[in-house]
Amino acid sequence: MEDKESKLEREAKLGFKPQKEVAYNALLPYSDRLDSESTDQFADIKAGLARAVQLRDIKIAVSHWTGQLTKSVSG
């Protein structure tokens, strides 16, 4: 388990307090890259949604990116 100080450092680095932590993620061989991967994935989703709205591509692109967001959040 992480101590309180390292949790606070992680929250400061991420810019938010994670709501749900999967205990087994710490056991993965690439656990040190999970935060950056999820942040990058979220940035891609936000950019895709913004682009879809700008292009007014509601049926296909917005539904694709909201599906990606749903998978990311629930996964």
C-alpha atoms as a PDB file:
ATOM      1  CA  MET A   1       0.000   0.000   0.000  1.00  0.00           C
ATOM      2  CA  GLU A   2       1.091   3.525  -0.717  1.00  0.00           C
ATOM      3  CA  ASP A   3       1.673   5.789   2.214  1.00  0.00           C
ATOM      4  CA  LYS A   4      -0.234   9.051   2.578  1.00  0.00           C
ATOM      5  CA  GLU A   5       2.654  11.234   1.412  1.00  0.00           C
ATOM      6  CA  SER A   6       3.126   9.353  -1.861  1.00  0.00           C
ATOM      7  CA  LYS A   7      -0.640   9.510  -2.503  1.00  0.00           C
ATOM      8  CA  LEU A   8      -0.531  13.279  -2.061  1.00  0.00           C
ATOM      9  CA  GLU A   9       2.437  13.528  -4.433  1.00  0.00           C
ATOM     10  CA  ARG A  10       0.598  11.455  -7.018  1.00  0.00           C
ATOM     11  CA  GLU A  11      -2.534  13.599  -6.686  1.00  0.00           C
ATOM     12  CA  ALA A  12      -0.444  16.730  -7.158  1.00  0.00           C
ATOM     13  CA  LYS A  13       1.231  15.252 -10.236  1.00  0.00           C
ATOM     14  CA  LEU A  14      -2.071  14.137 -11.783  1.00  0.00           C
ATOM     15  CA  GLY A  15      -3.931  17.318 -10.882  1.00  0.00           C
ATOM     16  CA  PHE A  16      -6.866  15.428  -9.368  1.00  0.00           C
ATOM     17  CA  LYS A  17      -7.687  12.779  -6.777  1.00  0.00           C
ATOM     18  CA  PRO A  18      -8.360   9.403  -8.414  1.00  0.00           C
ATOM     19  CA  GLN A  19     -11.753   8.068  -7.369  1.00  0.00           C
ATOM     20  CA  LYS A  20     -11.256   4.393  -8.051  1.00  0.00           C
ATOM     21  CA  GLU A  21      -8.026   2.479  -7.585  1.00  0.00           C
ATOM     22  CA  VAL A  22      -7.571  -1.085  -8.775  1.00  0.00           C
ATOM     23  CA  ALA A  23      -5.358  -2.741  -6.173  1.00  0.00           C
ATOM     24  CA  TYR A  24      -3.844  -5.170  -8.670  1.00  0.00           C
ATOM     25  CA  ASN A  25      -2.517  -2.404 -10.939  1.00  0.00           C
ATOM     26  CA  ALA A  26       0.437  -1.958  -8.595  1.00  0.00           C
ATOM     27  CA  LEU A  27       1.475  -5.547  -9.326  1.00  0.00           C
ATOM     28  CA  LEU A  28       1.729  -5.032 -13.081  1.00  0.00           C
ATOM     29  CA  PRO A  29       5.237  -4.858 -14.581  1.00  0.00           C
ATOM     30  CA  TYR A  30       4.364  -1.525 -16.228  1.00  0.00           C
ATOM     31  CA  SER A  31       2.566   0.017 -13.240  1.00  0.00           C
ATOM     32  CA  ASP A  32       4.864   3.040 -13.293  1.00  0.00           C
ATOM     33  CA  ARG A  33       3.468   4.006 -16.727  1.00  0.00           C
ATOM     34  CA  LEU A  34      -0.253   3.614 -15.985  1.00  0.00           C
ATOM     35  CA  ASP A  35      -0.857   7.209 -14.895  1.00  0.00           C
ATOM     36  CA  SER A  36       0.806   8.705 -17.958  1.00  0.00           C
ATOM     37  CA  GLU A  37      -0.947   6.265 -20.301  1.00  0.00           C
ATOM     38  CA  SER A  38      -4.364   7.045 -18.850  1.00  0.00           C
ATOM     39  CA  THR A  39      -3.673  10.794 -18.972  1.00  0.00           C
ATOM     40  CA  ASP A  40      -2.586  10.525 -22.615  1.00  0.00           C
ATOM     41  CA  GLN A  41      -5.649   8.438 -23.457  1.00  0.00           C
ATOM     42  CA  PHE A  42      -7.953  10.983 -21.819  1.00  0.00           C
ATOM     43  CA  ALA A  43      -6.255  13.817 -23.746  1.00  0.00           C
ATOM     44  CA  ASP A  44      -6.834  11.930 -27.009  1.00  0.00           C
ATOM     45  CA  ILE A  45     -10.500  11.419 -26.147  1.00  0.00           C
ATOM     46  CA  LYS A  46     -10.981  15.100 -25.301  1.00  0.00           C
ATOM     47  CA  ALA A  47      -9.280  16.176 -28.522  1.00  0.00           C
ATOM     48  CA  GLY A  48     -11.355  13.730 -30.564  1.00  0.00           C
ATOM     49  CA  LEU A  49     -14.592  14.939 -28.993  1.00  0.00           C
ATOM     50  CA  ALA A  50     -13.650  18.575 -29.573  1.00  0.00           C
ATOM     51  CA  ARG A  51     -12.765  17.868 -33.197  1.00  0.00           C
ATOM     52  CA  ALA A  52     -16.011  15.964 -33.741  1.00  0.00           C
ATOM     53  CA  VAL A  53     -18.100  18.787 -32.306  1.00  0.00           C
ATOM     54  CA  GLN A  54     -16.240  21.395 -34.377  1.00  0.00           C
ATOM     55  CA  LEU A  55     -16.874  19.357 -37.517  1.00  0.00           C
ATOM     56  CA  ARG A  56     -20.481  18.729 -36.428  1.00  0.00           C
ATOM     57  CA  ASP A  57     -19.980  15.020 -36.925  1.00  0.00           C
ATOM     58  CA  ILE A  58     -22.422  14.019 -34.226  1.00  0.00           C
ATOM     59  CA  LYS A  59     -23.630  10.638 -35.447  1.00  0.00           C
ATOM     60  CA  ILE A  60     -20.333   8.891 -36.085  1.00  0.00           C
ATOM     61  CA  ALA A  61     -17.425  10.699 -34.454  1.00  0.00           C
ATOM     62  CA  VAL A  62     -19.108  11.866 -31.248  1.00  0.00           C
ATOM     63  CA  SER A  63     -20.617   8.443 -30.670  1.00  0.00           C
ATOM     64  CA  HIS A  64     -17.182   6.874 -31.255  1.00  0.00           C
ATOM     65  CA  TRP A  65     -15.425   9.162 -28.786  1.00  0.00           C
ATOM     66  CA  THR A  66     -18.156   8.904 -26.140  1.00  0.00           C
ATOM     67  CA  GLY A  67     -17.830   5.116 -26.466  1.00  0.00           C
ATOM     68  CA  GLN A  68     -14.070   5.434 -25.934  1.00  0.00           C
ATOM     69  CA  LEU A  69     -14.705   7.619 -22.888  1.00  0.00           C
ATOM     70  CA  THR A  70     -17.185   5.099 -21.470  1.00  0.00           C
ATOM     71  CA  LYS A  71     -14.694   2.256 -21.910  1.00  0.00           C
ATOM     72  CA  SER A  72     -11.956   4.313 -20.305  1.00  0.00           C
ATOM     73  CA  VAL A  73     -14.003   5.332 -17.290  1.00  0.00           C
ATOM     74  CA  SER A  74     -15.659   1.980 -16.629  1.00  0.00           C
ATOM     75  CA  GLY A  75     -12.604  -0.121 -17.447  1.00  0.00           C
END
